[in-house]
PDB file of N, CA and C in Angstrom:
ATOM      1  N   MET A   1     -11.111   7.494 -10.155  1.00  0.00           N
ATOM      2  CA  MET A   1     -11.000   6.241 -10.876  1.00  0.00           C
ATOM      3  C   MET A   1     -12.010   5.322 -10.285  1.00  0.00           C
ATOM      4  N   ALA A   2     -13.134   4.993 -11.003  1.00  0.00           N
ATOM      5  CA  ALA A   2     -14.243   4.167 -10.495  1.00  0.00           C
ATOM      6  C   ALA A   2     -13.857   2.662 -10.636  1.00  0.00           C
ATOM      7  N   VAL A   3     -14.450   1.798  -9.802  1.00  0.00           N
ATOM      8  CA  VAL A   3     -13.904   0.522  -9.837  1.00  0.00           C
ATOM      9  C   VAL A   3     -14.372  -0.135 -11.174  1.00  0.00           C
ATOM     10  N   GLN A   4     -15.637   0.169 -11.778  1.00  0.00           N
ATOM     11  CA  GLN A   4     -16.038  -0.371 -13.115  1.00  0.00           C
ATOM     12  C   GLN A   4     -14.990  -0.016 -14.188  1.00  0.00           C
ATOM     13  N   GLU A   5     -14.418   1.138 -14.108  1.00  0.00           N
ATOM     14  CA  GLU A   5     -13.472   1.578 -15.144  1.00  0.00           C
ATOM     15  C   GLU A   5     -12.283   0.623 -15.588  1.00  0.00           C
ATOM     16  N   VAL A   6     -11.729  -0.020 -14.514  1.00  0.00           N
ATOM     17  CA  VAL A   6     -10.721  -1.104 -14.660  1.00  0.00           C
ATOM     18  C   VAL A   6     -11.180  -2.247 -15.368  1.00  0.00           C
ATOM     19  N   ALA A   7     -12.535  -2.696 -15.037  1.00  0.00           N
ATOM     20  CA  ALA A   7     -12.871  -3.937 -15.583  1.00  0.00           C
ATOM     21  C   ALA A   7     -13.281  -3.674 -17.001  1.00  0.00           C
ATOM     22  N   GLN A   8     -13.962  -2.286 -17.178  1.00  0.00           N
ATOM     23  CA  GLN A   8     -14.303  -2.180 -18.477  1.00  0.00           C
ATOM     24  C   GLN A   8     -13.174  -2.004 -19.498  1.00  0.00           C
ATOM     25  N   CYS A   9     -12.025  -1.301 -19.113  1.00  0.00           N
ATOM     26  CA  CYS A   9     -11.043  -1.120 -19.920  1.00  0.00           C
ATOM     27  C   CYS A   9     -10.138  -2.258 -20.126  1.00  0.00           C
ATOM     28  N   CYS A  10     -10.051  -3.215 -19.203  1.00  0.00           N
ATOM     29  CA  CYS A  10      -9.060  -4.073 -19.210  1.00  0.00           C
ATOM     30  C   CYS A  10      -9.504  -5.648 -19.075  1.00  0.00           C
ATOM     31  N   SER A  11     -10.573  -5.861 -19.547  1.00  0.00           N
ATOM     32  CA  SER A  11     -11.171  -7.282 -19.240  1.00  0.00           C
ATOM     33  C   SER A  11     -10.188  -8.236 -19.960  1.00  0.00           C
ATOM     34  N   ALA A  12      -9.280  -7.947 -20.794  1.00  0.00           N
ATOM     35  CA  ALA A  12      -8.354  -9.129 -21.369  1.00  0.00           C
ATOM     36  C   ALA A  12      -6.980  -8.987 -20.513  1.00  0.00           C
ATOM     37  N   GLY A  13      -7.191  -8.254 -19.412  1.00  0.00           N
ATOM     38  CA  GLY A  13      -5.678  -8.027 -18.603  1.00  0.00           C
ATOM     39  C   GLY A  13      -4.728  -7.674 -19.431  1.00  0.00           C
ATOM     40  N   LEU A  14      -3.535  -8.181 -19.221  1.00  0.00           N
ATOM     41  CA  LEU A  14      -2.427  -7.763 -20.010  1.00  0.00           C
ATOM     42  C   LEU A  14      -2.018  -8.787 -21.101  1.00  0.00           C
ATOM     43  N   ASN A  15      -2.924  -9.482 -21.522  1.00  0.00           N
ATOM     44  CA  ASN A  15      -2.975 -10.408 -22.555  1.00  0.00           C
ATOM     45  C   ASN A  15      -3.106  -9.817 -23.935  1.00  0.00           C
ATOM     46  N   SER A  16      -3.385  -8.621 -24.128  1.00  0.00           N
ATOM     47  CA  SER A  16      -3.385  -7.797 -25.509  1.00  0.00           C
ATOM     48  C   SER A  16      -2.911  -6.444 -25.109  1.00  0.00           C
ATOM     49  N   PRO A  17      -2.415  -5.827 -26.156  1.00  0.00           N
ATOM     50  CA  PRO A  17      -1.838  -4.484 -25.865  1.00  0.00           C
ATOM     51  C   PRO A  17      -2.849  -3.451 -25.323  1.00  0.00           C
ATOM     52  N   LEU A  18      -2.370  -2.668 -24.465  1.00  0.00           N
ATOM     53  CA  LEU A  18      -3.142  -1.694 -23.767  1.00  0.00           C
ATOM     54  C   LEU A  18      -3.072  -0.336 -24.570  1.00  0.00           C
ATOM     55  N   GLU A  19      -4.148   0.225 -24.569  1.00  0.00           N
ATOM     56  CA  GLU A  19      -4.178   1.748 -25.093  1.00  0.00           C
ATOM     57  C   GLU A  19      -3.560   2.644 -24.304  1.00  0.00           C
ATOM     58  N   PRO A  20      -3.002   3.701 -24.572  1.00  0.00           N
ATOM     59  CA  PRO A  20      -2.348   4.623 -23.554  1.00  0.00           C
ATOM     60  C   PRO A  20      -3.098   4.893 -22.462  1.00  0.00           C
ATOM     61  N   ALA A  21      -4.525   5.469 -22.670  1.00  0.00           N
ATOM     62  CA  ALA A  21      -5.391   5.667 -21.632  1.00  0.00           C
ATOM     63  C   ALA A  21      -5.591   4.588 -20.465  1.00  0.00           C
ATOM     64  N   ASP A  22      -5.654   3.610 -21.003  1.00  0.00           N
ATOM     65  CA  ASP A  22      -5.909   2.309 -20.171  1.00  0.00           C
ATOM     66  C   ASP A  22      -4.683   1.999 -19.342  1.00  0.00           C
ATOM     67  N   ALA A  23      -3.566   2.194 -20.054  1.00  0.00           N
ATOM     68  CA  ALA A  23      -2.224   2.063 -19.284  1.00  0.00           C
ATOM     69  C   ALA A  23      -2.026   3.030 -18.174  1.00  0.00           C
ATOM     70  N   GLU A  24      -2.506   4.290 -18.438  1.00  0.00           N
ATOM     71  CA  GLU A  24      -2.474   5.309 -17.437  1.00  0.00           C
ATOM     72  C   GLU A  24      -3.518   5.019 -16.177  1.00  0.00           C
ATOM     73  N   LEU A  25      -4.796   4.444 -16.455  1.00  0.00           N
ATOM     74  CA  LEU A  25      -5.554   4.108 -15.522  1.00  0.00           C
ATOM     75  C   LEU A  25      -4.923   2.966 -14.710  1.00  0.00           C
ATOM     76  N   LEU A  26      -4.418   2.016 -15.222  1.00  0.00           N
ATOM     77  CA  LEU A  26      -3.878   0.794 -14.538  1.00  0.00           C
ATOM     78  C   LEU A  26      -2.718   1.302 -13.779  1.00  0.00           C
ATOM     79  N   ALA A  27      -1.769   2.208 -14.330  1.00  0.00           N
ATOM     80  CA  ALA A  27      -0.466   2.668 -13.677  1.00  0.00           C
ATOM     81  C   ALA A  27      -0.919   3.311 -12.248  1.00  0.00           C
ATOM     82  N   GLY A  28      -2.150   4.023 -12.523  1.00  0.00           N
ATOM     83  CA  GLY A  28      -2.583   4.868 -11.120  1.00  0.00           C
ATOM     84  C   GLY A  28      -2.871   3.795 -10.117  1.00  0.00           C
ATOM     85  N   LEU A  29      -3.667   2.766 -10.363  1.00  0.00           N
ATOM     86  CA  LEU A  29      -4.194   1.800  -9.567  1.00  0.00           C
ATOM     87  C   LEU A  29      -2.761   1.125  -8.967  1.00  0.00           C
ATOM     88  N   LEU A  30      -2.067   0.724  -9.705  1.00  0.00           N
ATOM     89  CA  LEU A  30      -0.849  -0.184  -9.239  1.00  0.00           C
ATOM     90  C   LEU A  30       0.103   0.700  -8.473  1.00  0.00           C
ATOM     91  N   LYS A  31       0.022   2.038  -8.766  1.00  0.00           N
ATOM     92  CA  LYS A  31       0.992   2.843  -7.910  1.00  0.00           C
ATOM     93  C   LYS A  31       0.332   2.824  -6.579  1.00  0.00           C
ATOM     94  N   ALA A  32      -0.895   2.891  -6.300  1.00  0.00           N
ATOM     95  CA  ALA A  32      -1.613   2.764  -4.924  1.00  0.00           C
ATOM     96  C   ALA A  32      -1.189   1.766  -4.155  1.00  0.00           C
ATOM     97  N   VAL A  33      -0.781   0.490  -4.729  1.00  0.00           N
ATOM     98  CA  VAL A  33      -0.383  -0.668  -3.919  1.00  0.00           C
ATOM     99  C   VAL A  33       1.144  -0.761  -3.991  1.00  0.00           C
ATOM    100  N   ALA A  34       1.929   0.132  -4.776  1.00  0.00           N
ATOM    101  CA  ALA A  34       3.288  -0.015  -4.818  1.00  0.00           C
ATOM    102  C   ALA A  34       4.066   0.663  -3.862  1.00  0.00           C
ATOM    103  N   HIS A  35       3.657   0.254  -2.553  1.00  0.00           N
ATOM    104  CA  HIS A  35       4.372   1.036  -1.502  1.00  0.00           C
ATOM    105  C   HIS A  35       4.318  -0.084  -0.396  1.00  0.00           C
ATOM    106  N   PRO A  36       5.529  -0.281   0.439  1.00  0.00           N
ATOM    107  CA  PRO A  36       5.280  -1.473   1.621  1.00  0.00           C
ATOM    108  C   PRO A  36       4.240  -1.184   2.578  1.00  0.00           C
ATOM    109  N   ALA A  37       4.053   0.050   3.026  1.00  0.00           N
ATOM    110  CA  ALA A  37       3.089   0.324   4.052  1.00  0.00           C
ATOM    111  C   ALA A  37       1.701   0.023   3.610  1.00  0.00           C
ATOM    112  N   ARG A  38       1.442   0.362   2.306  1.00  0.00           N
ATOM    113  CA  ARG A  38       0.098   0.215   2.009  1.00  0.00           C
ATOM    114  C   ARG A  38      -0.182  -1.365   1.548  1.00  0.00           C
ATOM    115  N   LEU A  39       0.819  -2.106   0.929  1.00  0.00           N
ATOM    116  CA  LEU A  39       0.809  -3.399   1.058  1.00  0.00           C
ATOM    117  C   LEU A  39       0.606  -4.189   2.359  1.00  0.00           C
ATOM    118  N   GLN A  40       1.184  -3.577   3.546  1.00  0.00           N
ATOM    119  CA  GLN A  40       0.886  -4.134   4.773  1.00  0.00           C
ATOM    120  C   GLN A  40      -0.439  -3.810   5.128  1.00  0.00           C
ATOM    121  N   LEU A  41      -0.952  -2.696   4.972  1.00  0.00           N
ATOM    122  CA  LEU A  41      -2.112  -2.239   5.413  1.00  0.00           C
ATOM    123  C   LEU A  41      -3.290  -2.954   4.667  1.00  0.00           C
ATOM    124  N   LEU A  42      -3.258  -3.456   3.455  1.00  0.00           N
ATOM    125  CA  LEU A  42      -4.096  -4.201   2.740  1.00  0.00           C
ATOM    126  C   LEU A  42      -4.173  -5.410   3.328  1.00  0.00           C
ATOM    127  N   SER A  43      -3.029  -6.086   3.502  1.00  0.00           N
ATOM    128  CA  SER A  43      -2.743  -7.450   4.147  1.00  0.00           C
ATOM    129  C   SER A  43      -3.520  -7.568   5.588  1.00  0.00           C
ATOM    130  N   ILE A  44      -3.189  -6.512   6.279  1.00  0.00           N
ATOM    131  CA  ILE A  44      -3.765  -6.600   7.718  1.00  0.00           C
ATOM    132  C   ILE A  44      -5.339  -6.492   7.669  1.00  0.00           C
ATOM    133  N   ILE A  45      -5.826  -5.507   6.967  1.00  0.00           N
ATOM    134  CA  ILE A  45      -7.257  -5.386   6.646  1.00  0.00           C
ATOM    135  C   ILE A  45      -7.921  -6.547   6.093  1.00  0.00           C
ATOM    136  N   SER A  46      -7.356  -7.103   5.103  1.00  0.00           N
ATOM    137  CA  SER A  46      -8.064  -8.425   4.415  1.00  0.00           C
ATOM    138  C   SER A  46      -7.947  -9.431   5.306  1.00  0.00           C
ATOM    139  N   SER A  47      -6.861  -9.701   5.956  1.00  0.00           N
ATOM    140  CA  SER A  47      -6.712 -11.062   7.016  1.00  0.00           C
ATOM    141  C   SER A  47      -7.760 -10.795   8.112  1.00  0.00           C
ATOM    142  N   GLU A  48      -7.975  -9.632   8.415  1.00  0.00           N
ATOM    143  CA  GLU A  48      -8.989  -9.356   9.684  1.00  0.00           C
ATOM    144  C   GLU A  48     -10.530  -9.178   9.255  1.00  0.00           C
ATOM    145  N   GLY A  49     -10.662  -8.941   7.805  1.00  0.00           N
ATOM    146  CA  GLY A  49     -11.976  -8.766   7.407  1.00  0.00           C
ATOM    147  C   GLY A  49     -12.370  -7.217   7.518  1.00  0.00           C
ATOM    148  N   GLU A  50     -11.995  -6.653   8.376  1.00  0.00           N
ATOM    149  CA  GLU A  50     -12.071  -5.253   8.538  1.00  0.00           C
ATOM    150  C   GLU A  50     -11.154  -4.702   9.709  1.00  0.00           C
ATOM    151  N   ALA A  51     -10.819  -3.540   9.606  1.00  0.00           N
ATOM    152  CA  ALA A  51      -9.944  -3.009  10.836  1.00  0.00           C
ATOM    153  C   ALA A  51     -10.275  -1.635  11.059  1.00  0.00           C
ATOM    154  N   CYS A  52     -10.066  -1.176  12.301  1.00  0.00           N
ATOM    155  CA  CYS A  52     -10.198   0.149  12.746  1.00  0.00           C
ATOM    156  C   CYS A  52      -8.921   0.735  12.639  1.00  0.00           C
ATOM    157  N   ALA A  53      -8.948   2.074  12.191  1.00  0.00           N
ATOM    158  CA  ALA A  53      -7.654   2.819  11.959  1.00  0.00           C
ATOM    159  C   ALA A  53      -6.927   2.835  13.132  1.00  0.00           C
ATOM    160  N   CYS A  54      -7.479   3.047  14.550  1.00  0.00           N
ATOM    161  CA  CYS A  54      -6.848   2.936  15.592  1.00  0.00           C
ATOM    162  C   CYS A  54      -5.965   1.701  15.898  1.00  0.00           C
ATOM    163  N   ASP A  55      -6.248   0.565  15.181  1.00  0.00           N
ATOM    164  CA  ASP A  55      -5.228  -0.545  15.273  1.00  0.00           C
ATOM    165  C   ASP A  55      -4.299  -0.773  14.270  1.00  0.00           C
ATOM    166  N   LEU A  56      -4.262   0.235  13.383  1.00  0.00           N
ATOM    167  CA  LEU A  56      -3.351  -0.028  12.328  1.00  0.00           C
ATOM    168  C   LEU A  56      -1.960   0.695  12.245  1.00  0.00           C
ATOM    169  N   THR A  57      -1.753   1.693  13.324  1.00  0.00           N
ATOM    170  CA  THR A  57      -0.385   2.171  13.466  1.00  0.00           C
ATOM    171  C   THR A  57       0.706   1.321  14.062  1.00  0.00           C
ATOM    172  N   ALA A  58       0.281   0.527  15.198  1.00  0.00           N
ATOM    173  CA  ALA A  58       1.344  -0.287  15.774  1.00  0.00           C
ATOM    174  C   ALA A  58       1.962  -1.405  14.923  1.00  0.00           C
ATOM    175  N   PRO A  59       1.105  -2.162  14.342  1.00  0.00           N
ATOM    176  CA  PRO A  59       1.613  -3.352  13.322  1.00  0.00           C
ATOM    177  C   PRO A  59       2.562  -2.762  12.259  1.00  0.00           C
ATOM    178  N   ILE A  60       2.383  -1.617  11.651  1.00  0.00           N
ATOM    179  CA  ILE A  60       3.499  -1.236  10.703  1.00  0.00           C
ATOM    180  C   ILE A  60       4.378  -0.211  11.203  1.00  0.00           C
ATOM    181  N   GLY A  61       4.365   0.164  12.363  1.00  0.00           N
ATOM    182  CA  GLY A  61       5.315   1.093  12.908  1.00  0.00           C
ATOM    183  C   GLY A  61       5.440   2.498  12.512  1.00  0.00           C
ATOM    184  N   LEU A  62       4.250   2.970  12.124  1.00  0.00           N
ATOM    185  CA  LEU A  62       4.211   4.279  11.479  1.00  0.00           C
ATOM    186  C   LEU A  62       3.344   5.029  12.290  1.00  0.00           C
ATOM    187  N   SER A  63       3.395   6.451  12.236  1.00  0.00           N
ATOM    188  CA  SER A  63       2.498   7.392  13.039  1.00  0.00           C
ATOM    189  C   SER A  63       1.113   7.409  12.423  1.00  0.00           C
ATOM    190  N   GLN A  64       0.294   7.869  13.299  1.00  0.00           N
ATOM    191  CA  GLN A  64      -1.058   7.919  12.872  1.00  0.00           C
ATOM    192  C   GLN A  64      -1.287   8.713  11.710  1.00  0.00           C
ATOM    193  N   PRO A  65      -0.695   9.947  11.478  1.00  0.00           N
ATOM    194  CA  PRO A  65      -0.883  10.804  10.323  1.00  0.00           C
ATOM    195  C   PRO A  65      -0.517  10.182   8.971  1.00  0.00           C
ATOM    196  N   THR A  66       0.747   9.304   9.190  1.00  0.00           N
ATOM    197  CA  THR A  66       1.166   8.578   7.923  1.00  0.00           C
ATOM    198  C   THR A  66       0.371   7.484   7.628  1.00  0.00           C
ATOM    199  N   VAL A  67      -0.156   6.724   8.616  1.00  0.00           N
ATOM    200  CA  VAL A  67      -1.071   5.744   8.316  1.00  0.00           C
ATOM    201  C   VAL A  67      -2.395   6.108   7.757  1.00  0.00           C
ATOM    202  N   SER A  68      -2.966   7.336   8.157  1.00  0.00           N
ATOM    203  CA  SER A  68      -4.137   7.883   7.686  1.00  0.00           C
ATOM    204  C   SER A  68      -3.855   8.376   6.235  1.00  0.00           C
ATOM    205  N   HIS A  69      -2.597   8.913   5.911  1.00  0.00           N
ATOM    206  CA  HIS A  69      -2.456   9.198   4.457  1.00  0.00           C
ATOM    207  C   HIS A  69      -2.361   8.116   3.749  1.00  0.00           C
ATOM    208  N   HIS A  70      -1.634   6.961   3.991  1.00  0.00           N
ATOM    209  CA  HIS A  70      -1.784   5.680   3.117  1.00  0.00           C
ATOM    210  C   HIS A  70      -3.161   5.191   2.977  1.00  0.00           C
ATOM    211  N   LEU A  71      -4.065   5.202   4.092  1.00  0.00           N
ATOM    212  CA  LEU A  71      -5.249   4.776   3.988  1.00  0.00           C
ATOM    213  C   LEU A  71      -6.171   5.579   2.985  1.00  0.00           C
ATOM    214  N   LYS A  72      -5.856   6.911   2.986  1.00  0.00           N
ATOM    215  CA  LYS A  72      -6.525   7.759   2.014  1.00  0.00           C
ATOM    216  C   LYS A  72      -6.121   7.265   0.585  1.00  0.00           C
ATOM    217  N   ILE A  73      -5.076   7.104   0.260  1.00  0.00           N
ATOM    218  CA  ILE A  73      -4.635   6.632  -0.931  1.00  0.00           C
ATOM    219  C   ILE A  73      -5.375   5.370  -1.470  1.00  0.00           C
ATOM    220  N   LEU A  74      -5.318   4.416  -0.434  1.00  0.00           N
ATOM    221  CA  LEU A  74      -5.911   3.190  -0.689  1.00  0.00           C
ATOM    222  C   LEU A  74      -7.367   3.432  -0.990  1.00  0.00           C
ATOM    223  N   THR A  75      -8.108   4.198  -0.172  1.00  0.00           N
ATOM    224  CA  THR A  75      -9.338   4.384  -0.335  1.00  0.00           C
ATOM    225  C   THR A  75      -9.825   5.229  -1.693  1.00  0.00           C
ATOM    226  N   GLU A  76      -8.927   6.294  -2.055  1.00  0.00           N
ATOM    227  CA  GLU A  76      -9.358   6.924  -3.331  1.00  0.00           C
ATOM    228  C   GLU A  76      -9.149   5.946  -4.539  1.00  0.00           C
ATOM    229  N   ALA A  77      -8.284   5.009  -4.309  1.00  0.00           N
ATOM    230  CA  ALA A  77      -7.903   4.097  -5.492  1.00  0.00           C
ATOM    231  C   ALA A  77      -9.147   3.091  -5.517  1.00  0.00           C
ATOM    232  N   GLY A  78      -9.974   2.986  -4.463  1.00  0.00           N
ATOM    233  CA  GLY A  78     -11.084   1.963  -4.421  1.00  0.00           C
ATOM    234  C   GLY A  78     -10.532   0.704  -3.875  1.00  0.00           C
ATOM    235  N   LEU A  79      -9.456   0.741  -3.392  1.00  0.00           N
ATOM    236  CA  LEU A  79      -8.945  -0.695  -2.847  1.00  0.00           C
ATOM    237  C   LEU A  79      -9.634  -1.073  -1.453  1.00  0.00           C
ATOM    238  N   ILE A  80      -9.824  -0.079  -0.656  1.00  0.00           N
ATOM    239  CA  ILE A  80     -10.525  -0.377   0.507  1.00  0.00           C
ATOM    240  C   ILE A  80     -11.744   0.630   0.645  1.00  0.00           C
ATOM    241  N   GLU A  81     -12.650   0.213   1.516  1.00  0.00           N
ATOM    242  CA  GLU A  81     -13.866   1.073   1.857  1.00  0.00           C
ATOM    243  C   GLU A  81     -13.881   1.506   3.220  1.00  0.00           C
ATOM    244  N   ARG A  82     -14.236   2.712   3.400  1.00  0.00           N
ATOM    245  CA  ARG A  82     -14.134   3.533   4.866  1.00  0.00           C
ATOM    246  C   ARG A  82     -15.520   3.673   5.299  1.00  0.00           C
ATOM    247  N   GLU A  83     -15.675   3.322   6.583  1.00  0.00           N
ATOM    248  CA  GLU A  83     -17.042   3.384   7.348  1.00  0.00           C
ATOM    249  C   GLU A  83     -16.654   3.969   8.599  1.00  0.00           C
ATOM    250  N   GLN A  84     -17.397   5.256   8.945  1.00  0.00           N
ATOM    251  CA  GLN A  84     -17.183   5.904  10.122  1.00  0.00           C
ATOM    252  C   GLN A  84     -18.038   5.344  11.178  1.00  0.00           C
ATOM    253  N   ARG A  85     -17.353   5.107  12.293  1.00  0.00           N
ATOM    254  CA  ARG A  85     -18.289   4.485  13.444  1.00  0.00           C
ATOM    255  C   ARG A  85     -17.851   5.290  14.615  1.00  0.00           C
ATOM    256  N   GLY A  86     -18.710   6.081  15.040  1.00  0.00           N
ATOM    257  CA  GLY A  86     -18.252   7.126  16.162  1.00  0.00           C
ATOM    258  C   GLY A  86     -17.030   7.990  15.825  1.00  0.00           C
ATOM    259  N   GLN A  87     -16.055   7.909  16.512  1.00  0.00           N
ATOM    260  CA  GLN A  87     -14.907   8.712  16.349  1.00  0.00           C
ATOM    261  C   GLN A  87     -13.813   7.981  15.407  1.00  0.00           C
ATOM    262  N   TRP A  88     -14.182   6.614  15.276  1.00  0.00           N
ATOM    263  CA  TRP A  88     -13.051   5.880  14.562  1.00  0.00           C
ATOM    264  C   TRP A  88     -13.716   5.403  13.070  1.00  0.00           C
ATOM    265  N   ALA A  89     -12.526   5.402  12.199  1.00  0.00           N
ATOM    266  CA  ALA A  89     -12.934   5.013  10.912  1.00  0.00           C
ATOM    267  C   ALA A  89     -12.523   3.511  10.700  1.00  0.00           C
ATOM    268  N   TRP A  90     -13.359   2.685  10.173  1.00  0.00           N
ATOM    269  CA  TRP A  90     -13.199   1.423  10.017  1.00  0.00           C
ATOM    270  C   TRP A  90     -12.905   1.029   8.345  1.00  0.00           C
ATOM    271  N   PHE A  91     -12.128   0.182   8.223  1.00  0.00           N
ATOM    272  CA  PHE A  91     -11.948  -0.175   6.775  1.00  0.00           C
ATOM    273  C   PHE A  91     -11.999  -1.638   6.352  1.00  0.00           C
ATOM    274  N   ALA A  92     -12.471  -1.907   5.154  1.00  0.00           N
ATOM    275  CA  ALA A  92     -12.608  -3.293   4.620  1.00  0.00           C
ATOM    276  C   ALA A  92     -11.999  -3.213   3.150  1.00  0.00           C
ATOM    277  N   VAL A  93     -11.371  -4.415   2.792  1.00  0.00           N
ATOM    278  CA  VAL A  93     -11.003  -4.419   1.392  1.00  0.00           C
ATOM    279  C   VAL A  93     -12.196  -4.517   0.360  1.00  0.00           C
ATOM    280  N   ASN A  94     -12.053  -3.816  -0.782  1.00  0.00           N
ATOM    281  CA  ASN A  94     -12.933  -3.768  -1.719  1.00  0.00           C
ATOM    282  C   ASN A  94     -12.634  -5.046  -2.680  1.00  0.00           C
ATOM    283  N   LYS A  95     -13.281  -6.309  -2.321  1.00  0.00           N
ATOM    284  CA  LYS A  95     -12.973  -7.511  -3.017  1.00  0.00           C
ATOM    285  C   LYS A  95     -13.129  -7.442  -4.735  1.00  0.00           C
ATOM    286  N   SER A  96     -14.141  -6.665  -5.097  1.00  0.00           N
ATOM    287  CA  SER A  96     -14.231  -6.496  -6.477  1.00  0.00           C
ATOM    288  C   SER A  96     -12.846  -5.825  -7.153  1.00  0.00           C
ATOM    289  N   ARG A  97     -12.462  -4.691  -6.412  1.00  0.00           N
ATOM    290  CA  ARG A  97     -11.296  -4.030  -6.986  1.00  0.00           C
ATOM    291  C   ARG A  97     -10.003  -4.865  -6.860  1.00  0.00           C
ATOM    292  N   MET A  98     -10.006  -5.722  -5.872  1.00  0.00           N
ATOM    293  CA  MET A  98      -8.799  -6.616  -5.813  1.00  0.00           C
ATOM    294  C   MET A  98      -8.962  -7.728  -6.801  1.00  0.00           C
ATOM    295  N   ASN A  99      -9.954  -8.109  -7.186  1.00  0.00           N
ATOM    296  CA  ASN A  99      -9.993  -9.124  -8.274  1.00  0.00           C
ATOM    297  C   ASN A  99      -9.886  -8.367  -9.552  1.00  0.00           C
ATOM    298  N   ASP A 100     -10.051  -6.980  -9.637  1.00  0.00           N
ATOM    299  CA  ASP A 100      -9.584  -6.336 -10.881  1.00  0.00           C
ATOM    300  C   ASP A 100      -8.175  -6.463 -11.103  1.00  0.00           C
ATOM    301  N   ILE A 101      -7.334  -6.126  -9.965  1.00  0.00           N
ATOM    302  CA  ILE A 101      -5.958  -6.220 -10.094  1.00  0.00           C
ATOM    303  C   ILE A 101      -5.377  -7.597 -10.335  1.00  0.00           C
ATOM    304  N   SER A 102      -5.998  -8.523  -9.740  1.00  0.00           N
ATOM    305  CA  SER A 102      -5.560 -10.017  -9.837  1.00  0.00           C
ATOM    306  C   SER A 102      -5.766 -10.520 -11.285  1.00  0.00           C
ATOM    307  N   SER A 103      -6.890 -10.034 -11.824  1.00  0.00           N
ATOM    308  CA  SER A 103      -7.190 -10.480 -13.230  1.00  0.00           C
ATOM    309  C   SER A 103      -6.401  -9.950 -14.328  1.00  0.00           C
ATOM    310  N   LEU A 104      -5.529  -8.885 -13.883  1.00  0.00           N
ATOM    311  CA  LEU A 104      -4.640  -8.277 -14.915  1.00  0.00           C
ATOM    312  C   LEU A 104      -3.365  -9.245 -15.089  1.00  0.00           C
ATOM    313  N   PHE A 105      -3.188  -9.987 -14.226  1.00  0.00           N
ATOM    314  CA  PHE A 105      -1.818 -10.776 -14.254  1.00  0.00           C
ATOM    315  C   PHE A 105      -2.127 -12.391 -14.482  1.00  0.00           C
ATOM    316  N   ARG A 106      -3.504 -12.713 -14.835  1.00  0.00           N
ATOM    317  CA  ARG A 106      -3.825 -14.022 -15.178  1.00  0.00           C
ATOM    318  C   ARG A 106      -3.363 -14.350 -16.558  1.00  0.00           C
ATOM    319  N   VAL A 107      -2.611 -15.517 -16.567  1.00  0.00           N
ATOM    320  CA  VAL A 107      -2.059 -16.095 -17.937  1.00  0.00           C
ATOM    321  C   VAL A 107      -3.207 -16.900 -18.685  1.00  0.00           C
ATOM    322  N   PRO A 108      -3.527 -16.649 -19.853  1.00  0.00           N
ATOM    323  CA  PRO A 108      -4.465 -17.480 -20.411  1.00  0.00           C
ATOM    324  C   PRO A 108      -4.121 -19.064 -20.580  1.00  0.00           C
TER     325      PRO A 108
END
């Protein structure tokens, strides 16, 4: 699911009826954030500007493999961007994608 797909399909947000394909696209995106650990990860990464994977296990109290799994889901949804620096992965929020999500719920 590419970032531009959300903006293209749903420029009116939820202010007009969605086609079934658009609803599927949006449901996949919303499913990626519909987990407490992923919401915590997004908030930590967003508040810090960027975060190393090594610093994300303790704040949410999950194991490294579990955190990696959640980071992968967020990355695949385009909500965060991953950059490899040496042995560590660093993550930053994709602001464009987050704006896509927030625009869905704007009331005219």
